[in-house]
Amino acid sequence: MKLPWWSEIRSLVAWWVVVTMLLWLLGKLFGQSVNLIGCAATAMLVIAIGETGDWLRRRRSSGRAARERRTG
């Protein structure tokens, strides 16, 4: 049984891993004392903000398109 939201979860986890490692590597590159758990938490926050912004953008554009179809 394939769950309909499984691909969305895999995508978010993949982004979370990539952003976590990017933050950790940037911290190491600039000589900061970095904590992998802190980087993971920050990555989660950044992704949550980004996903919320994307959801709002899609919601606004679909509402705008519906209004244009009605006023046509």
PDB file of N, CA and C in Angstrom:
ATOM      1  N   MET A   1       0.845  -1.183   0.000  1.00  0.00           N
ATOM      2  CA  MET A   1       0.000   0.000   0.000  1.00  0.00           C
ATOM      3  C   MET A   1       0.893   1.249   0.000  1.00  0.00           C
ATOM      4  N   LYS A   2       0.726   2.063  -0.993  1.00  0.00           N
ATOM      5  CA  LYS A   2       1.531   3.274  -1.095  1.00  0.00           C
ATOM      6  C   LYS A   2       0.755   4.450  -0.497  1.00  0.00           C
ATOM      7  N   LEU A   3       1.394   5.115   0.441  1.00  0.00           N
ATOM      8  CA  LEU A   3       0.741   6.251   1.083  1.00  0.00           C
ATOM      9  C   LEU A   3       0.892   7.487   0.202  1.00  0.00           C
ATOM     10  N   PRO A   4      -0.157   8.280   0.035  1.00  0.00           N
ATOM     11  CA  PRO A   4      -0.099   9.424  -0.891  1.00  0.00           C
ATOM     12  C   PRO A   4       0.864  10.522  -0.458  1.00  0.00           C
ATOM     13  N   TRP A   5       1.166  10.625   0.802  1.00  0.00           N
ATOM     14  CA  TRP A   5       2.034  11.695   1.287  1.00  0.00           C
ATOM     15  C   TRP A   5       3.455  11.215   1.511  1.00  0.00           C
ATOM     16  N   TRP A   6       3.758   9.959   1.176  1.00  0.00           N
ATOM     17  CA  TRP A   6       5.075   9.402   1.416  1.00  0.00           C
ATOM     18  C   TRP A   6       6.159  10.141   0.640  1.00  0.00           C
ATOM     19  N   SER A   7       5.898  10.495  -0.613  1.00  0.00           N
ATOM     20  CA  SER A   7       6.911  11.197  -1.415  1.00  0.00           C
ATOM     21  C   SER A   7       7.182  12.591  -0.842  1.00  0.00           C
ATOM     22  N   GLU A   8       6.169  13.223  -0.284  1.00  0.00           N
ATOM     23  CA  GLU A   8       6.350  14.539   0.347  1.00  0.00           C
ATOM     24  C   GLU A   8       7.252  14.433   1.578  1.00  0.00           C
ATOM     25  N   ILE A   9       7.052  13.397   2.370  1.00  0.00           N
ATOM     26  CA  ILE A   9       7.886  13.194   3.557  1.00  0.00           C
ATOM     27  C   ILE A   9       9.329  12.902   3.151  1.00  0.00           C
ATOM     28  N   ARG A  10       9.515  12.056   2.148  1.00  0.00           N
ATOM     29  CA  ARG A  10      10.875  11.761   1.687  1.00  0.00           C
ATOM     30  C   ARG A  10      11.572  13.013   1.187  1.00  0.00           C
ATOM     31  N   SER A  11      10.847  13.855   0.480  1.00  0.00           N
ATOM     32  CA  SER A  11      11.427  15.097  -0.028  1.00  0.00           C
ATOM     33  C   SER A  11      11.847  16.020   1.114  1.00  0.00           C
ATOM     34  N   LEU A  12      10.994  16.175   2.112  1.00  0.00           N
ATOM     35  CA  LEU A  12      11.320  17.027   3.252  1.00  0.00           C
ATOM     36  C   LEU A  12      12.510  16.501   4.043  1.00  0.00           C
ATOM     37  N   VAL A  13      12.574  15.187   4.221  1.00  0.00           N
ATOM     38  CA  VAL A  13      13.703  14.598   4.947  1.00  0.00           C
ATOM     39  C   VAL A  13      14.995  14.797   4.165  1.00  0.00           C
ATOM     40  N   ALA A  14      14.926  14.620   2.857  1.00  0.00           N
ATOM     41  CA  ALA A  14      16.121  14.826   2.029  1.00  0.00           C
ATOM     42  C   ALA A  14      16.596  16.275   2.122  1.00  0.00           C
ATOM     43  N   TRP A  15      15.662  17.227   2.042  1.00  0.00           N
ATOM     44  CA  TRP A  15      16.030  18.644   2.178  1.00  0.00           C
ATOM     45  C   TRP A  15      16.616  18.919   3.556  1.00  0.00           C
ATOM     46  N   TRP A  16      16.035  18.320   4.574  1.00  0.00           N
ATOM     47  CA  TRP A  16      16.510  18.532   5.934  1.00  0.00           C
ATOM     48  C   TRP A  16      17.950  18.057   6.089  1.00  0.00           C
ATOM     49  N   VAL A  17      18.255  16.892   5.539  1.00  0.00           N
ATOM     50  CA  VAL A  17      19.619  16.366   5.615  1.00  0.00           C
ATOM     51  C   VAL A  17      20.587  17.275   4.858  1.00  0.00           C
ATOM     52  N   VAL A  18      20.198  17.694   3.662  1.00  0.00           N
ATOM     53  CA  VAL A  18      21.070  18.549   2.843  1.00  0.00           C
ATOM     54  C   VAL A  18      21.334  19.884   3.542  1.00  0.00           C
ATOM     55  N   VAL A  19      20.284  20.526   4.043  1.00  0.00           N
ATOM     56  CA  VAL A  19      20.450  21.828   4.689  1.00  0.00           C
ATOM     57  C   VAL A  19      21.247  21.682   5.989  1.00  0.00           C
ATOM     58  N   THR A  20      21.009  20.609   6.739  1.00  0.00           N
ATOM     59  CA  THR A  20      21.768  20.372   7.965  1.00  0.00           C
ATOM     60  C   THR A  20      23.255  20.249   7.659  1.00  0.00           C
ATOM     61  N   MET A  21      23.585  19.441   6.681  1.00  0.00           N
ATOM     62  CA  MET A  21      24.998  19.246   6.339  1.00  0.00           C
ATOM     63  C   MET A  21      25.615  20.531   5.785  1.00  0.00           C
ATOM     64  N   LEU A  22      24.856  21.291   5.015  1.00  0.00           N
ATOM     65  CA  LEU A  22      25.354  22.555   4.484  1.00  0.00           C
ATOM     66  C   LEU A  22      25.661  23.539   5.613  1.00  0.00           C
ATOM     67  N   LEU A  23      24.750  23.643   6.574  1.00  0.00           N
ATOM     68  CA  LEU A  23      24.984  24.531   7.712  1.00  0.00           C
ATOM     69  C   LEU A  23      26.195  24.078   8.528  1.00  0.00           C
ATOM     70  N   TRP A  24      26.313  22.771   8.731  1.00  0.00           N
ATOM     71  CA  TRP A  24      27.424  22.233   9.508  1.00  0.00           C
ATOM     72  C   TRP A  24      28.752  22.485   8.799  1.00  0.00           C
ATOM     73  N   LEU A  25      28.777  22.242   7.481  1.00  0.00           N
ATOM     74  CA  LEU A  25      30.002  22.459   6.711  1.00  0.00           C
ATOM     75  C   LEU A  25      30.384  23.937   6.657  1.00  0.00           C
ATOM     76  N   LEU A  26      29.400  24.809   6.509  1.00  0.00           N
ATOM     77  CA  LEU A  26      29.691  26.250   6.516  1.00  0.00           C
ATOM     78  C   LEU A  26      30.250  26.688   7.862  1.00  0.00           C
ATOM     79  N   GLY A  27      29.706  26.149   8.938  1.00  0.00           N
ATOM     80  CA  GLY A  27      30.227  26.465  10.265  1.00  0.00           C
ATOM     81  C   GLY A  27      31.672  26.016  10.418  1.00  0.00           C
ATOM     82  N   LYS A  28      31.971  24.812   9.958  1.00  0.00           N
ATOM     83  CA  LYS A  28      33.349  24.304  10.019  1.00  0.00           C
ATOM     84  C   LYS A  28      34.275  25.142   9.133  1.00  0.00           C
ATOM     85  N   LEU A  29      33.796  25.520   7.959  1.00  0.00           N
ATOM     86  CA  LEU A  29      34.592  26.301   7.015  1.00  0.00           C
ATOM     87  C   LEU A  29      34.995  27.653   7.608  1.00  0.00           C
ATOM     88  N   PHE A  30      34.084  28.266   8.345  1.00  0.00           N
ATOM     89  CA  PHE A  30      34.361  29.571   8.934  1.00  0.00           C
ATOM     90  C   PHE A  30      34.938  29.476  10.350  1.00  0.00           C
ATOM     91  N   GLY A  31      35.300  28.279  10.766  1.00  0.00           N
ATOM     92  CA  GLY A  31      35.987  28.102  12.041  1.00  0.00           C
ATOM     93  C   GLY A  31      35.110  28.266  13.267  1.00  0.00           C
ATOM     94  N   GLN A  32      33.822  28.088  13.134  1.00  0.00           N
ATOM     95  CA  GLN A  32      32.913  28.196  14.272  1.00  0.00           C
ATOM     96  C   GLN A  32      32.825  26.855  14.978  1.00  0.00           C
ATOM     97  N   SER A  33      32.522  26.888  16.252  1.00  0.00           N
ATOM     98  CA  SER A  33      32.276  25.623  16.951  1.00  0.00           C
ATOM     99  C   SER A  33      30.819  25.250  16.687  1.00  0.00           C
ATOM    100  N   VAL A  34      30.636  24.269  15.838  1.00  0.00           N
ATOM    101  CA  VAL A  34      29.284  23.914  15.412  1.00  0.00           C
ATOM    102  C   VAL A  34      28.837  22.627  16.083  1.00  0.00           C
ATOM    103  N   ASN A  35      27.553  22.560  16.338  1.00  0.00           N
ATOM    104  CA  ASN A  35      26.919  21.405  16.932  1.00  0.00           C
ATOM    105  C   ASN A  35      25.957  20.848  15.893  1.00  0.00           C
ATOM    106  N   LEU A  36      26.076  19.577  15.564  1.00  0.00           N
ATOM    107  CA  LEU A  36      25.236  18.977  14.540  1.00  0.00           C
ATOM    108  C   LEU A  36      23.757  19.052  14.916  1.00  0.00           C
ATOM    109  N   ILE A  37      23.444  18.898  16.194  1.00  0.00           N
ATOM    110  CA  ILE A  37      22.041  18.977  16.632  1.00  0.00           C
ATOM    111  C   ILE A  37      21.503  20.397  16.434  1.00  0.00           C
ATOM    112  N   GLY A  38      22.323  21.392  16.727  1.00  0.00           N
ATOM    113  CA  GLY A  38      21.910  22.775  16.501  1.00  0.00           C
ATOM    114  C   GLY A  38      21.697  23.062  15.032  1.00  0.00           C
ATOM    115  N   CYS A  39      22.567  22.527  14.189  1.00  0.00           N
ATOM    116  CA  CYS A  39      22.412  22.700  12.744  1.00  0.00           C
ATOM    117  C   CYS A  39      21.135  22.020  12.254  1.00  0.00           C
ATOM    118  N   ALA A  40      20.840  20.845  12.794  1.00  0.00           N
ATOM    119  CA  ALA A  40      19.628  20.121  12.409  1.00  0.00           C
ATOM    120  C   ALA A  40      18.375  20.898  12.819  1.00  0.00           C
ATOM    121  N   ALA A  41      18.389  21.474  14.016  1.00  0.00           N
ATOM    122  CA  ALA A  41      17.240  22.256  14.472  1.00  0.00           C
ATOM    123  C   ALA A  41      17.066  23.516  13.629  1.00  0.00           C
ATOM    124  N   THR A  42      18.160  24.171  13.302  1.00  0.00           N
ATOM    125  CA  THR A  42      18.088  25.365  12.464  1.00  0.00           C
ATOM    126  C   THR A  42      17.591  25.010  11.070  1.00  0.00           C
ATOM    127  N   ALA A  43      18.067  23.900  10.530  1.00  0.00           N
ATOM    128  CA  ALA A  43      17.617  23.458   9.211  1.00  0.00           C
ATOM    129  C   ALA A  43      16.122  23.179   9.223  1.00  0.00           C
ATOM    130  N   MET A  44      15.637  22.566  10.299  1.00  0.00           N
ATOM    131  CA  MET A  44      14.204  22.282  10.403  1.00  0.00           C
ATOM    132  C   MET A  44      13.397  23.579  10.417  1.00  0.00           C
ATOM    133  N   LEU A  45      13.889  24.574  11.150  1.00  0.00           N
ATOM    134  CA  LEU A  45      13.208  25.859  11.205  1.00  0.00           C
ATOM    135  C   LEU A  45      13.205  26.547   9.836  1.00  0.00           C
ATOM    136  N   VAL A  46      14.344  26.537   9.161  1.00  0.00           N
ATOM    137  CA  VAL A  46      14.437  27.167   7.840  1.00  0.00           C
ATOM    138  C   VAL A  46      13.491  26.482   6.853  1.00  0.00           C
ATOM    139  N   ILE A  47      13.453  25.167   6.870  1.00  0.00           N
ATOM    140  CA  ILE A  47      12.586  24.430   5.955  1.00  0.00           C
ATOM    141  C   ILE A  47      11.116  24.668   6.293  1.00  0.00           C
ATOM    142  N   ALA A  48      10.772  24.711   7.572  1.00  0.00           N
ATOM    143  CA  ALA A  48       9.376  24.979   7.959  1.00  0.00           C
ATOM    144  C   ALA A  48       8.935  26.360   7.491  1.00  0.00           C
ATOM    145  N   ILE A  49       9.795  27.354   7.639  1.00  0.00           N
ATOM    146  CA  ILE A  49       9.461  28.705   7.176  1.00  0.00           C
ATOM    147  C   ILE A  49       9.319  28.721   5.652  1.00  0.00           C
ATOM    148  N   GLY A  50      10.228  28.054   4.967  1.00  0.00           N
ATOM    149  CA  GLY A  50      10.157  27.994   3.509  1.00  0.00           C
ATOM    150  C   GLY A  50       8.915  27.289   3.003  1.00  0.00           C
ATOM    151  N   GLU A  51       8.567  26.174   3.620  1.00  0.00           N
ATOM    152  CA  GLU A  51       7.370  25.435   3.212  1.00  0.00           C
ATOM    153  C   GLU A  51       6.099  26.233   3.494  1.00  0.00           C
ATOM    154  N   THR A  52       6.068  26.936   4.620  1.00  0.00           N
ATOM    155  CA  THR A  52       4.910  27.780   4.932  1.00  0.00           C
ATOM    156  C   THR A  52       4.776  28.904   3.911  1.00  0.00           C
ATOM    157  N   GLY A  53       5.892  29.527   3.562  1.00  0.00           N
ATOM    158  CA  GLY A  53       5.867  30.578   2.553  1.00  0.00           C
ATOM    159  C   GLY A  53       5.414  30.059   1.205  1.00  0.00           C
ATOM    160  N   ASP A  54       5.866  28.867   0.832  1.00  0.00           N
ATOM    161  CA  ASP A  54       5.451  28.266  -0.439  1.00  0.00           C
ATOM    162  C   ASP A  54       3.965  27.947  -0.421  1.00  0.00           C
ATOM    163  N   TRP A  55       3.458  27.436   0.700  1.00  0.00           N
ATOM    164  CA  TRP A  55       2.031  27.133   0.825  1.00  0.00           C
ATOM    165  C   TRP A  55       1.196  28.406   0.690  1.00  0.00           C
ATOM    166  N   LEU A  56       1.644  29.487   1.352  1.00  0.00           N
ATOM    167  CA  LEU A  56       0.917  30.756   1.243  1.00  0.00           C
ATOM    168  C   LEU A  56       0.945  31.295  -0.177  1.00  0.00           C
ATOM    169  N   ARG A  57       2.091  31.184  -0.846  1.00  0.00           N
ATOM    170  CA  ARG A  57       2.210  31.653  -2.228  1.00  0.00           C
ATOM    171  C   ARG A  57       1.258  30.885  -3.148  1.00  0.00           C
ATOM    172  N   ARG A  58       1.226  29.555  -3.002  1.00  0.00           N
ATOM    173  CA  ARG A  58       0.327  28.753  -3.840  1.00  0.00           C
ATOM    174  C   ARG A  58      -1.130  29.061  -3.533  1.00  0.00           C
ATOM    175  N   ARG A  59      -1.432  29.278  -2.275  1.00  0.00           N
ATOM    176  CA  ARG A  59      -2.814  29.582  -1.893  1.00  0.00           C
ATOM    177  C   ARG A  59      -3.261  30.926  -2.479  1.00  0.00           C
ATOM    178  N   ARG A  60      -2.366  31.920  -2.405  1.00  0.00           N
ATOM    179  CA  ARG A  60      -2.707  33.236  -2.957  1.00  0.00           C
ATOM    180  C   ARG A  60      -2.864  33.188  -4.471  1.00  0.00           C
ATOM    181  N   SER A  61      -1.977  32.454  -5.154  1.00  0.00           N
ATOM    182  CA  SER A  61      -2.058  32.411  -6.608  1.00  0.00           C
ATOM    183  C   SER A  61      -3.286  31.641  -7.079  1.00  0.00           C
ATOM    184  N   SER A  62      -3.680  30.581  -6.355  1.00  0.00           N
ATOM    185  CA  SER A  62      -4.883  29.853  -6.745  1.00  0.00           C
ATOM    186  C   SER A  62      -6.133  30.693  -6.476  1.00  0.00           C
ATOM    187  N   GLY A  63      -6.127  31.462  -5.384  1.00  0.00           N
ATOM    188  CA  GLY A  63      -7.260  32.349  -5.107  1.00  0.00           C
ATOM    189  C   GLY A  63      -7.367  33.464  -6.132  1.00  0.00           C
ATOM    190  N   ARG A  64      -6.221  33.989  -6.549  1.00  0.00           N
ATOM    191  CA  ARG A  64      -6.202  35.040  -7.566  1.00  0.00           C
ATOM    192  C   ARG A  64      -6.707  34.499  -8.900  1.00  0.00           C
ATOM    193  N   ALA A  65      -6.288  33.281  -9.255  1.00  0.00           N
ATOM    194  CA  ALA A  65      -6.728  32.681 -10.518  1.00  0.00           C
ATOM    195  C   ALA A  65      -8.235  32.417 -10.501  1.00  0.00           C
ATOM    196  N   ALA A  66      -8.776  32.001  -9.356  1.00  0.00           N
ATOM    197  CA  ALA A  66     -10.208  31.749  -9.242  1.00  0.00           C
ATOM    198  C   ALA A  66     -10.996  33.048  -9.379  1.00  0.00           C
ATOM    199  N   ARG A  67     -10.480  34.144  -8.785  1.00  0.00           N
ATOM    200  CA  ARG A  67     -11.163  35.434  -8.914  1.00  0.00           C
ATOM    201  C   ARG A  67     -11.153  35.915 -10.365  1.00  0.00           C
ATOM    202  N   GLU A  68     -10.031  35.700 -11.064  1.00  0.00           N
ATOM    203  CA  GLU A  68      -9.952  36.133 -12.454  1.00  0.00           C
ATOM    204  C   GLU A  68     -10.907  35.327 -13.340  1.00  0.00           C
ATOM    205  N   ARG A  69     -11.085  34.045 -13.043  1.00  0.00           N
ATOM    206  CA  ARG A  69     -12.021  33.233 -13.820  1.00  0.00           C
ATOM    207  C   ARG A  69     -13.457  33.704 -13.597  1.00  0.00           C
ATOM    208  N   ARG A  70     -13.779  34.091 -12.342  1.00  0.00           N
ATOM    209  CA  ARG A  70     -15.133  34.564 -12.048  1.00  0.00           C
ATOM    210  C   ARG A  70     -15.433  35.891 -12.694  1.00  0.00           C
ATOM    211  N   THR A  71     -14.454  36.800 -12.681  1.00  0.00           N
ATOM    212  CA  THR A  71     -14.690  38.134 -13.232  1.00  0.00           C
ATOM    213  C   THR A  71     -14.450  38.146 -14.742  1.00  0.00           C
ATOM    214  N   GLY A  72     -13.685  37.189 -15.220  1.00  0.00           N
ATOM    215  CA  GLY A  72     -13.329  36.902 -16.569  1.00  0.00           C
ATOM    216  C   GLY A  72     -13.428  37.847 -17.593  1.00  0.00           C
TER     217      GLY A  72
END
